[in-house]
């Protein structure tokens, strides 16, 4: 059986065995992306046109789609061709990509995230963090890199949000495990990349505070508050103010249960350990 794997967490392409399979020019790839993210479901020509061209559909309209489908089908047939390999079906209402035994990097990412959730629910925070790190290995750059169109843009933003949530949660687990010093460089880099994500600011404040760098933690709060006021014209949320107040009281600890996969650890459980500042 031919091993086929589709990649979308980076440049869109297929791998057959160890060979890179080119899916054609960018418009053709954009058509394939719609089929791939709707695998095993029928997609209408109208949906493809709207997804690829948006409000600038050429006058030739639906006549554009069949040649792309034909070339994509031929590409898959020439490289794969097995009974359980991916193929593209046509019907009177649209087109369907049958994945068969093929795998996708998006599915691998999802499965690693799900295994991390199971590990965390069982109290294995270190195992959950390792599985989230494994999920991150599925990524090879900007998702669907180089492709344009309303569908691709929407899917790209959705995938990027899922990636940053995965990164945030792994770093939260490191804080809960007491590995604050290890988390600080990654949190600092991520906050530079995503300067308006409050959760990153709170975690960076926490990690700095818990490692004896209280002044720097206060600076993070002040800079983030100023950035919110300057760029968005808003005040910090109650969550950020609560973290700031906890710093003033001297009891700011790692965030527990803030992530989408978290369950609050029982008081006294060995699953959570607070990082202690140096004396």
C-alpha atoms as a PDB file:
ATOM      1  CA  UNK A   1       0.000   0.000   0.000  1.00  0.00           C
ATOM      2  CA  UNK A   2       1.361   3.414  -1.002  1.00  0.00           C
ATOM      3  CA  UNK A   3       1.900   5.755   1.923  1.00  0.00           C
ATOM      4  CA  UNK A   4       0.307   9.121   1.163  1.00  0.00           C
ATOM      5  CA  UNK A   5       0.478  12.117   3.465  1.00  0.00           C
ATOM      6  CA  UNK A   6      -0.930  15.584   2.873  1.00  0.00           C
ATOM      7  CA  UNK A   7       0.739  18.628   4.421  1.00  0.00           C
ATOM      8  CA  UNK A   8      -1.072  21.894   5.118  1.00  0.00           C
ATOM      9  CA  UNK A   9       0.802  23.152   8.215  1.00  0.00           C
ATOM     10  CA  UNK A  10       3.334  24.801   5.937  1.00  0.00           C
ATOM     11  CA  UNK A  11       3.404  24.811   2.119  1.00  0.00           C
ATOM     12  CA  UNK A  12       0.550  22.682   0.770  1.00  0.00           C
ATOM     13  CA  UNK A  13       1.831  19.465  -0.807  1.00  0.00           C
ATOM     14  CA  UNK A  14       1.562  15.701  -0.709  1.00  0.00           C
ATOM     15  CA  UNK A  15       4.188  13.099   0.071  1.00  0.00           C
ATOM     16  CA  UNK A  16       3.974   9.716  -1.621  1.00  0.00           C
ATOM     17  CA  UNK A  17       6.433   7.479   0.141  1.00  0.00           C
ATOM     18  CA  UNK A  18       9.300   9.925   0.536  1.00  0.00           C
ATOM     19  CA  UNK A  19       8.632  11.854  -2.672  1.00  0.00           C
ATOM     20  CA  UNK A  20       7.210  15.392  -2.683  1.00  0.00           C
ATOM     21  CA  UNK A  21       4.122  15.531  -4.917  1.00  0.00           C
ATOM     22  CA  UNK A  22       3.556  18.933  -6.508  1.00  0.00           C
ATOM     23  CA  UNK A  23      -0.136  19.867  -6.553  1.00  0.00           C
ATOM     24  CA  UNK A  24       0.237  22.460  -9.281  1.00  0.00           C
ATOM     25  CA  UNK A  25      -0.032  26.270  -9.489  1.00  0.00           C
ATOM     26  CA  UNK A  26      -1.410  28.343  -6.644  1.00  0.00           C
ATOM     27  CA  UNK A  27      -5.041  28.504  -7.844  1.00  0.00           C
ATOM     28  CA  UNK A  28      -5.087  24.748  -8.308  1.00  0.00           C
ATOM     29  CA  UNK A  29      -3.601  24.297  -4.840  1.00  0.00           C
ATOM     30  CA  UNK A  30      -6.264  26.599  -3.403  1.00  0.00           C
ATOM     31  CA  UNK A  31      -8.938  24.407  -4.998  1.00  0.00           C
ATOM     32  CA  UNK A  32      -7.286  21.329  -3.519  1.00  0.00           C
ATOM     33  CA  UNK A  33      -7.080  22.966  -0.086  1.00  0.00           C
ATOM     34  CA  UNK A  34     -10.867  23.343  -0.067  1.00  0.00           C
ATOM     35  CA  UNK A  35     -11.296  19.682  -0.995  1.00  0.00           C
ATOM     36  CA  UNK A  36      -8.713  18.610   1.604  1.00  0.00           C
ATOM     37  CA  UNK A  37     -10.313  20.455   4.512  1.00  0.00           C
ATOM     38  CA  UNK A  38     -13.686  19.065   3.449  1.00  0.00           C
ATOM     39  CA  UNK A  39     -12.365  15.557   2.797  1.00  0.00           C
ATOM     40  CA  UNK A  40     -15.007  12.867   2.243  1.00  0.00           C
ATOM     41  CA  UNK A  41     -17.678  15.531   1.781  1.00  0.00           C
ATOM     42  CA  UNK A  42     -19.072  16.899  -1.482  1.00  0.00           C
ATOM     43  CA  UNK A  43     -18.077  20.495  -2.253  1.00  0.00           C
ATOM     44  CA  UNK A  44     -20.098  22.410  -4.827  1.00  0.00           C
ATOM     45  CA  UNK A  45     -18.489  24.393  -7.666  1.00  0.00           C
ATOM     46  CA  UNK A  46     -20.109  27.545  -6.261  1.00  0.00           C
ATOM     47  CA  UNK A  47     -18.399  26.985  -2.908  1.00  0.00           C
ATOM     48  CA  UNK A  48     -15.048  26.478  -4.608  1.00  0.00           C
ATOM     49  CA  UNK A  49     -15.440  29.623  -6.703  1.00  0.00           C
ATOM     50  CA  UNK A  50     -16.367  31.704  -3.662  1.00  0.00           C
ATOM     51  CA  UNK A  51     -13.581  30.182  -1.595  1.00  0.00           C
ATOM     52  CA  UNK A  52     -10.848  30.773  -4.180  1.00  0.00           C
ATOM     53  CA  UNK A  53     -11.918  33.991  -5.874  1.00  0.00           C
ATOM     54  CA  UNK A  54     -14.268  35.617  -3.358  1.00  0.00           C
ATOM     55  CA  UNK A  55     -15.996  38.641  -4.833  1.00  0.00           C
ATOM     56  CA  UNK A  56     -13.784  38.629  -7.937  1.00  0.00           C
ATOM     57  CA  UNK A  57     -15.056  35.512  -9.700  1.00  0.00           C
ATOM     58  CA  UNK A  58     -14.082  35.664 -13.405  1.00  0.00           C
ATOM     59  CA  UNK A  59     -16.806  35.806 -16.048  1.00  0.00           C
ATOM     60  CA  UNK A  60     -16.059  32.217 -17.064  1.00  0.00           C
ATOM     61  CA  UNK A  61     -17.251  31.163 -13.615  1.00  0.00           C
ATOM     62  CA  UNK A  62     -17.731  27.449 -13.046  1.00  0.00           C
ATOM     63  CA  UNK A  63     -15.873  26.584 -16.270  1.00  0.00           C
ATOM     64  CA  UNK A  64     -12.673  27.271 -14.340  1.00  0.00           C
ATOM     65  CA  UNK A  65     -13.120  24.373 -11.939  1.00  0.00           C
ATOM     66  CA  UNK A  66     -13.210  21.190 -14.117  1.00  0.00           C
ATOM     67  CA  UNK A  67      -9.684  21.664 -15.563  1.00  0.00           C
ATOM     68  CA  UNK A  68      -8.231  22.015 -12.042  1.00  0.00           C
ATOM     69  CA  UNK A  69     -10.100  18.921 -10.855  1.00  0.00           C
ATOM     70  CA  UNK A  70      -8.957  16.966 -13.917  1.00  0.00           C
ATOM     71  CA  UNK A  71      -5.290  17.836 -13.346  1.00  0.00           C
ATOM     72  CA  UNK A  72      -5.483  17.118  -9.619  1.00  0.00           C
ATOM     73  CA  UNK A  73      -7.163  13.771 -10.265  1.00  0.00           C
ATOM     74  CA  UNK A  74      -4.528  12.825 -12.820  1.00  0.00           C
ATOM     75  CA  UNK A  75      -1.740  13.853 -10.434  1.00  0.00           C
ATOM     76  CA  UNK A  76      -3.113  11.652  -7.650  1.00  0.00           C
ATOM     77  CA  UNK A  77      -3.769   8.725  -9.982  1.00  0.00           C
ATOM     78  CA  UNK A  78      -0.273   8.846 -11.453  1.00  0.00           C
ATOM     79  CA  UNK A  79       1.457   8.999  -8.060  1.00  0.00           C
ATOM     80  CA  UNK A  80      -0.843   6.751  -6.041  1.00  0.00           C
ATOM     81  CA  UNK A  81      -3.380   4.629  -7.863  1.00  0.00           C
ATOM     82  CA  UNK A  82      -3.950   2.013  -5.128  1.00  0.00           C
ATOM     83  CA  UNK A  83      -7.501   0.939  -4.172  1.00  0.00           C
ATOM     84  CA  UNK A  84      -7.302   2.714  -0.799  1.00  0.00           C
ATOM     85  CA  UNK A  85      -5.265   5.689  -1.973  1.00  0.00           C
ATOM     86  CA  UNK A  86      -6.781   9.198  -2.168  1.00  0.00           C
ATOM     87  CA  UNK A  87      -8.910  10.041  -5.180  1.00  0.00           C
ATOM     88  CA  UNK A  88     -11.278  12.764  -6.364  1.00  0.00           C
ATOM     89  CA  UNK A  89     -14.875  11.901  -7.293  1.00  0.00           C
ATOM     90  CA  UNK A  90     -17.152  14.031  -9.432  1.00  0.00           C
ATOM     91  CA  UNK A  91     -20.930  14.110  -9.230  1.00  0.00           C
ATOM     92  CA  UNK A  92     -23.692  16.275 -10.627  1.00  0.00           C
ATOM     93  CA  UNK A  93     -23.553  18.486  -7.512  1.00  0.00           C
ATOM     94  CA  UNK A  94     -19.812  18.781  -6.930  1.00  0.00           C
ATOM     95  CA  UNK A  95     -16.520  17.124  -6.060  1.00  0.00           C
ATOM     96  CA  UNK A  96     -15.281  14.977  -3.200  1.00  0.00           C
ATOM     97  CA  UNK A  97     -11.756  14.099  -2.107  1.00  0.00           C
ATOM     98  CA  UNK A  98     -11.694  10.568  -0.729  1.00  0.00           C
ATOM     99  CA  UNK A  99      -8.781  10.335   1.688  1.00  0.00           C
ATOM    100  CA  UNK A 100      -8.739   6.560   1.928  1.00  0.00           C
ATOM    101  CA  UNK A 101      -5.683   5.518   3.931  1.00  0.00           C
ATOM    102  CA  UNK A 102      -3.926   8.857   3.455  1.00  0.00           C
ATOM    103  CA  UNK A 103      -2.902  10.873   6.516  1.00  0.00           C
ATOM    104  CA  UNK A 104      -2.723  14.627   7.054  1.00  0.00           C
ATOM    105  CA  UNK A 105      -0.430  16.660   9.281  1.00  0.00           C
ATOM    106  CA  UNK A 106      -3.524  18.463  10.597  1.00  0.00           C
ATOM    107  CA  UNK A 107      -4.952  15.132  11.791  1.00  0.00           C
ATOM    108  CA  UNK A 108      -1.630  14.284  13.464  1.00  0.00           C
ATOM    109  CA  UNK A 109      -1.687  17.653  15.233  1.00  0.00           C
ATOM    110  CA  UNK A 110      -5.265  17.083  16.395  1.00  0.00           C
ATOM    111  CA  UNK A 111      -4.533  13.593  17.692  1.00  0.00           C
ATOM    112  CA  UNK A 112      -1.473  14.720  19.668  1.00  0.00           C
ATOM    113  CA  UNK A 113      -3.595  17.479  21.232  1.00  0.00           C
ATOM    114  CA  UNK A 114      -6.282  14.963  22.161  1.00  0.00           C
ATOM    115  CA  UNK A 115      -3.732  12.617  23.740  1.00  0.00           C
ATOM    116  CA  UNK A 116      -2.353  15.581  25.685  1.00  0.00           C
ATOM    117  CA  UNK A 117      -5.832  16.337  27.024  1.00  0.00           C
ATOM    118  CA  UNK A 118      -6.202  12.730  28.191  1.00  0.00           C
ATOM    119  CA  UNK A 119      -2.792  12.812  29.890  1.00  0.00           C
ATOM    120  CA  UNK A 120      -3.570  16.085  31.631  1.00  0.00           C
ATOM    121  CA  UNK A 121      -6.955  14.834  32.818  1.00  0.00           C
ATOM    122  CA  UNK A 122      -5.133  11.850  34.358  1.00  0.00           C
ATOM    123  CA  UNK A 123      -2.765  14.194  36.211  1.00  0.00           C
ATOM    124  CA  UNK A 124       0.266  13.521  33.979  1.00  0.00           C
ATOM    125  CA  UNK A 125       1.242  17.127  33.312  1.00  0.00           C
ATOM    126  CA  UNK A 126       4.752  16.257  32.119  1.00  0.00           C
ATOM    127  CA  UNK A 127       3.326  13.730  29.664  1.00  0.00           C
ATOM    128  CA  UNK A 128       0.769  16.269  28.463  1.00  0.00           C
ATOM    129  CA  UNK A 129       3.508  18.860  27.891  1.00  0.00           C
ATOM    130  CA  UNK A 130       5.545  16.323  25.916  1.00  0.00           C
ATOM    131  CA  UNK A 131       2.543  15.487  23.744  1.00  0.00           C
ATOM    132  CA  UNK A 132       1.889  19.173  23.066  1.00  0.00           C
ATOM    133  CA  UNK A 133       5.543  19.511  22.041  1.00  0.00           C
ATOM    134  CA  UNK A 134       4.960  16.556  19.712  1.00  0.00           C
ATOM    135  CA  UNK A 135       1.910  18.330  18.267  1.00  0.00           C
ATOM    136  CA  UNK A 136       4.088  21.354  17.504  1.00  0.00           C
ATOM    137  CA  UNK A 137       6.416  19.140  15.454  1.00  0.00           C
ATOM    138  CA  UNK A 138       3.651  18.778  12.858  1.00  0.00           C
ATOM    139  CA  UNK A 139       4.225  22.402  11.839  1.00  0.00           C
ATOM    140  CA  UNK A 140       6.597  23.391   9.033  1.00  0.00           C
ATOM    141  CA  UNK A 141       5.867  27.112   8.822  1.00  0.00           C
ATOM    142  CA  UNK A 142       2.891  29.278   7.944  1.00  0.00           C
ATOM    143  CA  UNK A 143      -0.088  27.048   7.128  1.00  0.00           C
ATOM    144  CA  UNK A 144      -1.013  26.932   3.435  1.00  0.00           C
ATOM    145  CA  UNK A 145       1.934  29.229   2.778  1.00  0.00           C
ATOM    146  CA  UNK A 146       1.769  31.257  -0.412  1.00  0.00           C
ATOM    147  CA  UNK A 147      -1.899  30.562  -1.140  1.00  0.00           C
ATOM    148  CA  UNK A 148      -4.593  33.232  -1.274  1.00  0.00           C
ATOM    149  CA  UNK A 149      -8.366  33.451  -1.355  1.00  0.00           C
ATOM    150  CA  UNK A 150     -11.085  33.859   1.278  1.00  0.00           C
ATOM    151  CA  UNK A 151     -11.213  30.175   2.225  1.00  0.00           C
ATOM    152  CA  UNK A 152      -7.455  29.801   2.604  1.00  0.00           C
ATOM    153  CA  UNK A 153      -7.163  33.031   4.589  1.00  0.00           C
ATOM    154  CA  UNK A 154      -9.906  31.961   6.977  1.00  0.00           C
ATOM    155  CA  UNK A 155      -8.433  28.478   7.416  1.00  0.00           C
ATOM    156  CA  UNK A 156      -4.937  29.901   7.918  1.00  0.00           C
ATOM    157  CA  UNK A 157      -6.085  32.199  10.733  1.00  0.00           C
ATOM    158  CA  UNK A 158      -7.957  29.332  12.376  1.00  0.00           C
ATOM    159  CA  UNK A 159      -4.891  27.076  12.262  1.00  0.00           C
ATOM    160  CA  UNK A 160      -2.562  29.799  13.529  1.00  0.00           C
ATOM    161  CA  UNK A 161      -4.861  30.414  16.480  1.00  0.00           C
ATOM    162  CA  UNK A 162      -4.860  26.716  17.307  1.00  0.00           C
ATOM    163  CA  UNK A 163      -1.078  26.666  17.175  1.00  0.00           C
ATOM    164  CA  UNK A 164      -0.632  29.570  19.573  1.00  0.00           C
ATOM    165  CA  UNK A 165      -3.190  28.035  21.945  1.00  0.00           C
ATOM    166  CA  UNK A 166      -1.144  24.808  21.881  1.00  0.00           C
ATOM    167  CA  UNK A 167       2.060  26.738  22.618  1.00  0.00           C
ATOM    168  CA  UNK A 168       0.434  28.728  25.401  1.00  0.00           C
ATOM    169  CA  UNK A 169      -0.935  25.641  27.043  1.00  0.00           C
ATOM    170  CA  UNK A 170       2.369  23.771  26.931  1.00  0.00           C
ATOM    171  CA  UNK A 171       4.067  26.718  28.600  1.00  0.00           C
ATOM    172  CA  UNK A 172       1.300  26.899  31.201  1.00  0.00           C
ATOM    173  CA  UNK A 173       1.991  23.229  31.984  1.00  0.00           C
ATOM    174  CA  UNK A 174       5.680  24.046  32.473  1.00  0.00           C
ATOM    175  CA  UNK A 175       4.700  26.732  34.970  1.00  0.00           C
ATOM    176  CA  UNK A 176       2.431  24.341  36.822  1.00  0.00           C
ATOM    177  CA  UNK A 177       5.260  21.806  36.920  1.00  0.00           C
ATOM    178  CA  UNK A 178       7.584  24.393  38.453  1.00  0.00           C
ATOM    179  CA  UNK A 179       9.775  24.829  35.376  1.00  0.00           C
ATOM    180  CA  UNK A 180       9.399  28.610  35.235  1.00  0.00           C
ATOM    181  CA  UNK A 181      12.969  29.429  34.211  1.00  0.00           C
ATOM    182  CA  UNK A 182      12.721  27.160  31.199  1.00  0.00           C
ATOM    183  CA  UNK A 183       9.475  28.845  30.123  1.00  0.00           C
ATOM    184  CA  UNK A 184      10.674  32.464  30.308  1.00  0.00           C
ATOM    185  CA  UNK A 185      12.627  32.633  26.992  1.00  0.00           C
ATOM    186  CA  UNK A 186       9.774  31.061  25.033  1.00  0.00           C
ATOM    187  CA  UNK A 187       7.183  33.299  26.698  1.00  0.00           C
ATOM    188  CA  UNK A 188       9.299  36.394  26.007  1.00  0.00           C
ATOM    189  CA  UNK A 189       9.660  35.454  22.325  1.00  0.00           C
ATOM    190  CA  UNK A 190       5.961  34.692  21.954  1.00  0.00           C
ATOM    191  CA  UNK A 191       4.932  37.939  23.603  1.00  0.00           C
ATOM    192  CA  UNK A 192       7.111  39.808  21.132  1.00  0.00           C
ATOM    193  CA  UNK A 193       5.336  37.976  18.295  1.00  0.00           C
ATOM    194  CA  UNK A 194       1.852  38.364  19.830  1.00  0.00           C
ATOM    195  CA  UNK A 195       2.094  41.578  21.866  1.00  0.00           C
ATOM    196  CA  UNK A 196      -1.646  41.854  22.589  1.00  0.00           C
ATOM    197  CA  UNK A 197      -2.313  38.328  23.877  1.00  0.00           C
ATOM    198  CA  UNK A 198      -3.188  38.781  27.517  1.00  0.00           C
ATOM    199  CA  UNK A 199      -2.669  35.148  28.468  1.00  0.00           C
ATOM    200  CA  UNK A 200       0.979  35.331  27.411  1.00  0.00           C
ATOM    201  CA  UNK A 201       1.464  38.499  29.451  1.00  0.00           C
ATOM    202  CA  UNK A 202      -0.020  36.860  32.558  1.00  0.00           C
ATOM    203  CA  UNK A 203       2.147  33.759  32.190  1.00  0.00           C
ATOM    204  CA  UNK A 204       5.296  35.809  31.617  1.00  0.00           C
ATOM    205  CA  UNK A 205       4.496  37.941  34.683  1.00  0.00           C
ATOM    206  CA  UNK A 206       3.978  34.743  36.684  1.00  0.00           C
ATOM    207  CA  UNK A 207       7.195  33.081  35.513  1.00  0.00           C
ATOM    208  CA  UNK A 208       9.271  36.193  36.213  1.00  0.00           C
ATOM    209  CA  UNK A 209       7.670  36.731  39.611  1.00  0.00           C
ATOM    210  CA  UNK A 210       8.122  33.121  40.655  1.00  0.00           C
ATOM    211  CA  UNK A 211      11.825  33.200  39.754  1.00  0.00           C
ATOM    212  CA  UNK A 212      12.557  36.261  41.842  1.00  0.00           C
ATOM    213  CA  UNK A 213      12.319  38.842  39.043  1.00  0.00           C
ATOM    214  CA  UNK A 214       9.420  40.800  40.519  1.00  0.00           C
ATOM    215  CA  UNK A 215      10.498  44.132  39.061  1.00  0.00           C
ATOM    216  CA  UNK A 216      10.522  42.713  35.544  1.00  0.00           C
ATOM    217  CA  UNK A 217       7.117  41.139  36.148  1.00  0.00           C
ATOM    218  CA  UNK A 218       5.761  44.571  37.106  1.00  0.00           C
ATOM    219  CA  UNK A 219       7.330  46.014  33.957  1.00  0.00           C
ATOM    220  CA  UNK A 220       5.492  43.418  31.832  1.00  0.00           C
ATOM    221  CA  UNK A 221       2.184  44.474  33.374  1.00  0.00           C
ATOM    222  CA  UNK A 222       2.893  48.186  32.886  1.00  0.00           C
ATOM    223  CA  UNK A 223       4.020  47.742  29.276  1.00  0.00           C
ATOM    224  CA  UNK A 224       1.040  45.550  28.399  1.00  0.00           C
ATOM    225  CA  UNK A 225      -1.421  47.983  29.997  1.00  0.00           C
ATOM    226  CA  UNK A 226       0.126  50.866  28.057  1.00  0.00           C
ATOM    227  CA  UNK A 227      -0.013  48.874  24.820  1.00  0.00           C
ATOM    228  CA  UNK A 228      -3.707  48.103  25.332  1.00  0.00           C
ATOM    229  CA  UNK A 229      -4.502  51.753  25.983  1.00  0.00           C
ATOM    230  CA  UNK A 230      -2.437  53.038  23.068  1.00  0.00           C
ATOM    231  CA  UNK A 231      -3.361  50.509  20.396  1.00  0.00           C
ATOM    232  CA  UNK A 232      -6.879  49.439  21.393  1.00  0.00           C
ATOM    233  CA  UNK A 233      -8.072  52.136  23.771  1.00  0.00           C
ATOM    234  CA  UNK A 234      -9.074  49.590  26.435  1.00  0.00           C
ATOM    235  CA  UNK A 235      -8.141  48.666  29.980  1.00  0.00           C
ATOM    236  CA  UNK A 236      -6.822  45.224  30.962  1.00  0.00           C
ATOM    237  CA  UNK A 237      -9.385  42.556  31.745  1.00  0.00           C
ATOM    238  CA  UNK A 238     -10.132  41.447  35.325  1.00  0.00           C
ATOM    239  CA  UNK A 239      -7.827  38.445  34.802  1.00  0.00           C
ATOM    240  CA  UNK A 240      -4.788  40.660  34.218  1.00  0.00           C
ATOM    241  CA  UNK A 241      -5.706  42.979  37.081  1.00  0.00           C
ATOM    242  CA  UNK A 242      -6.105  39.921  39.306  1.00  0.00           C
ATOM    243  CA  UNK A 243      -2.582  38.778  38.409  1.00  0.00           C
ATOM    244  CA  UNK A 244      -1.247  42.255  39.148  1.00  0.00           C
ATOM    245  CA  UNK A 245      -3.084  42.372  42.482  1.00  0.00           C
ATOM    246  CA  UNK A 246      -1.691  38.951  43.369  1.00  0.00           C
ATOM    247  CA  UNK A 247       1.811  40.256  42.721  1.00  0.00           C
ATOM    248  CA  UNK A 248       1.176  43.158  45.067  1.00  0.00           C
ATOM    249  CA  UNK A 249      -0.072  40.737  47.718  1.00  0.00           C
ATOM    250  CA  UNK A 250       2.907  38.450  47.152  1.00  0.00           C
ATOM    251  CA  UNK A 251       0.953  35.348  46.177  1.00  0.00           C
ATOM    252  CA  UNK A 252       1.014  35.191  42.372  1.00  0.00           C
ATOM    253  CA  UNK A 253       1.278  31.528  41.432  1.00  0.00           C
ATOM    254  CA  UNK A 254       1.113  29.513  38.199  1.00  0.00           C
ATOM    255  CA  UNK A 255      -2.171  29.667  36.336  1.00  0.00           C
ATOM    256  CA  UNK A 256      -4.178  26.475  36.765  1.00  0.00           C
ATOM    257  CA  UNK A 257      -7.098  25.520  34.594  1.00  0.00           C
ATOM    258  CA  UNK A 258      -6.864  28.500  32.215  1.00  0.00           C
ATOM    259  CA  UNK A 259      -6.214  26.437  29.130  1.00  0.00           C
ATOM    260  CA  UNK A 260      -8.792  24.686  26.939  1.00  0.00           C
ATOM    261  CA  UNK A 261      -7.472  21.265  27.974  1.00  0.00           C
ATOM    262  CA  UNK A 262      -7.056  21.892  31.699  1.00  0.00           C
ATOM    263  CA  UNK A 263      -8.817  20.519  34.725  1.00  0.00           C
ATOM    264  CA  UNK A 264      -8.135  22.230  38.030  1.00  0.00           C
ATOM    265  CA  UNK A 265      -5.627  20.290  40.091  1.00  0.00           C
ATOM    266  CA  UNK A 266      -6.788  19.278  43.563  1.00  0.00           C
ATOM    267  CA  UNK A 267      -5.262  21.237  46.463  1.00  0.00           C
ATOM    268  CA  UNK A 268      -2.213  19.430  47.745  1.00  0.00           C
ATOM    269  CA  UNK A 269      -1.803  17.349  44.583  1.00  0.00           C
ATOM    270  CA  UNK A 270       1.796  16.632  43.574  1.00  0.00           C
ATOM    271  CA  UNK A 271       0.847  17.446  39.962  1.00  0.00           C
ATOM    272  CA  UNK A 272       1.363  21.161  40.639  1.00  0.00           C
ATOM    273  CA  UNK A 273       4.543  22.632  42.094  1.00  0.00           C
ATOM    274  CA  UNK A 274       5.171  26.344  42.507  1.00  0.00           C
ATOM    275  CA  UNK A 275       8.489  27.761  41.320  1.00  0.00           C
ATOM    276  CA  UNK A 276      10.261  29.425  44.215  1.00  0.00           C
ATOM    277  CA  UNK A 277      12.293  32.603  43.887  1.00  0.00           C
ATOM    278  CA  UNK A 278      15.925  32.452  44.882  1.00  0.00           C
ATOM    279  CA  UNK A 279      16.639  33.795  48.326  1.00  0.00           C
END
